[in-house]
Amino acid sequence: SSGINAEYGESIMKFVGLFAVILIVASLSCTEAQNDARRELSNAMQGLGQSFHKLLGKIQHKIEMYLERDGLGEKMAKVGTILINRLKERISKYGDHMSRRY
């Protein structure tokens, strides 16, 4: 069950990361005449970031409950930390790649 939840969480992270990159690219392609629209998009992206932060908090709480229930706490927390750090590294590399490309 916790394996399925970890896969689900990883899928969500990949989707949200890709969606955020698409939004960033879209916002950077706006022209100067669209400053108001760019500002509105920026505010919307900040709201998305806040919503995503809340979602991650809820996911983290659920995962911690599963780990505690199954008595896997520290071992799985270390594995989770490794996986999250790898995901952050991939997102960072993708962002760097996008910066060089565009």
Protein backbone atom coordinates (compact mmCIF):
# COMPACT_ATOMS: atom_id res chain seq x y z
CA SER A 1 0.00 0.00 0.00
CA SER A 2 2.78 2.44 0.88
CA GLY A 3 4.55 1.52 -2.39
CA ILE A 4 1.46 2.54 -4.33
CA ASN A 5 1.25 5.81 -2.37
CA ALA A 6 4.93 6.54 -3.03
CA GLU A 7 4.44 5.93 -6.76
CA TYR A 8 1.33 8.12 -6.73
CA GLY A 9 3.19 10.88 -4.92
CA GLU A 10 6.09 10.65 -7.35
CA SER A 11 3.71 10.85 -10.32
CA ILE A 12 2.06 13.92 -8.83
CA MET A 13 5.46 15.54 -8.27
CA LYS A 14 6.51 14.91 -11.88
CA PHE A 15 3.22 16.29 -13.23
CA VAL A 16 3.31 19.39 -11.05
CA GLY A 17 6.97 20.01 -11.87
CA LEU A 18 6.29 19.77 -15.60
CA PHE A 19 3.18 21.95 -15.29
CA ALA A 20 5.14 24.61 -13.40
CA VAL A 21 7.87 24.62 -16.05
CA ILE A 22 5.25 25.04 -18.79
CA LEU A 23 3.70 27.96 -16.91
CA ILE A 24 7.09 29.60 -16.42
CA VAL A 25 7.95 29.27 -20.10
CA ALA A 26 4.57 30.69 -21.04
CA SER A 27 5.02 33.65 -18.71
CA LEU A 28 8.47 34.43 -20.09
CA SER A 29 7.19 34.55 -23.65
CA CYS A 30 4.76 37.40 -22.96
CA THR A 31 5.49 40.71 -24.69
CA GLU A 32 5.95 44.06 -22.96
CA ALA A 33 2.45 45.13 -24.03
CA GLN A 34 1.06 42.38 -21.84
CA ASN A 35 2.53 43.53 -18.50
CA ASP A 36 -0.85 43.34 -16.77
CA ALA A 37 -1.43 39.83 -18.07
CA ARG A 38 2.10 38.86 -17.01
CA ARG A 39 1.51 40.25 -13.53
CA GLU A 40 -1.79 38.38 -13.33
CA LEU A 41 -0.08 35.18 -14.46
CA SER A 42 2.65 35.74 -11.87
CA ASN A 43 0.05 36.10 -9.13
CA ALA A 44 -1.72 32.98 -10.36
CA MET A 45 1.57 31.07 -10.32
CA GLN A 46 2.23 32.23 -6.76
CA GLY A 47 -1.23 30.98 -5.81
CA LEU A 48 -0.48 27.68 -7.54
CA GLY A 49 2.76 27.46 -5.58
CA GLN A 50 0.90 28.02 -2.31
CA SER A 51 -1.70 25.42 -3.22
CA PHE A 52 1.03 22.97 -4.18
CA HIS A 53 2.79 23.63 -0.87
CA LYS A 54 -0.42 22.80 1.02
CA LEU A 55 -0.88 19.64 -1.06
CA LEU A 56 2.67 18.52 -0.30
CA GLY A 57 2.05 19.06 3.40
CA LYS A 58 -1.05 16.86 3.25
CA ILE A 59 0.79 14.18 1.25
CA GLN A 60 3.68 14.27 3.71
CA HIS A 61 1.28 13.88 6.64
CA LYS A 62 -0.45 10.90 4.98
CA ILE A 63 2.88 9.23 4.23
CA GLU A 64 4.08 9.76 7.80
CA MET A 65 0.85 8.17 9.09
CA TYR A 66 1.36 5.10 6.85
CA LEU A 67 4.99 4.76 7.88
CA GLU A 68 4.15 5.09 11.56
CA ARG A 69 1.33 2.57 11.28
CA ASP A 70 3.58 0.04 9.55
CA GLY A 71 6.49 0.63 11.92
CA LEU A 72 8.78 1.65 9.06
CA GLY A 73 9.36 5.23 10.21
CA GLU A 74 13.08 6.05 10.05
CA LYS A 75 14.09 3.61 7.30
CA MET A 76 11.38 4.73 4.90
CA ALA A 77 11.86 8.38 5.83
CA LYS A 78 15.50 8.07 4.72
CA VAL A 79 14.42 6.41 1.47
CA GLY A 80 11.82 9.12 0.92
CA THR A 81 14.40 11.83 1.52
CA ILE A 82 16.73 10.27 -1.05
CA LEU A 83 13.95 10.06 -3.64
CA ILE A 84 12.81 13.63 -3.03
CA ASN A 85 16.38 14.92 -3.31
CA ARG A 86 16.77 13.07 -6.61
CA LEU A 87 13.53 14.61 -7.88
CA LYS A 88 14.68 18.10 -6.83
CA GLU A 89 17.96 17.52 -8.67
CA ARG A 90 16.11 16.44 -11.84
CA ILE A 91 13.81 19.48 -11.69
CA SER A 92 16.81 21.75 -11.18
CA LYS A 93 18.67 20.19 -14.12
CA TYR A 94 15.58 20.51 -16.29
CA GLY A 95 15.24 24.16 -15.28
CA ASP A 96 18.91 24.77 -16.13
CA HIS A 97 18.41 23.05 -19.48
CA MET A 98 15.37 25.21 -20.20
CA SER A 99 17.34 28.35 -19.28
CA ARG A 100 20.12 27.49 -21.72
CA ARG A 101 17.73 26.47 -24.46
CA TYR A 102 15.48 29.53 -24.33
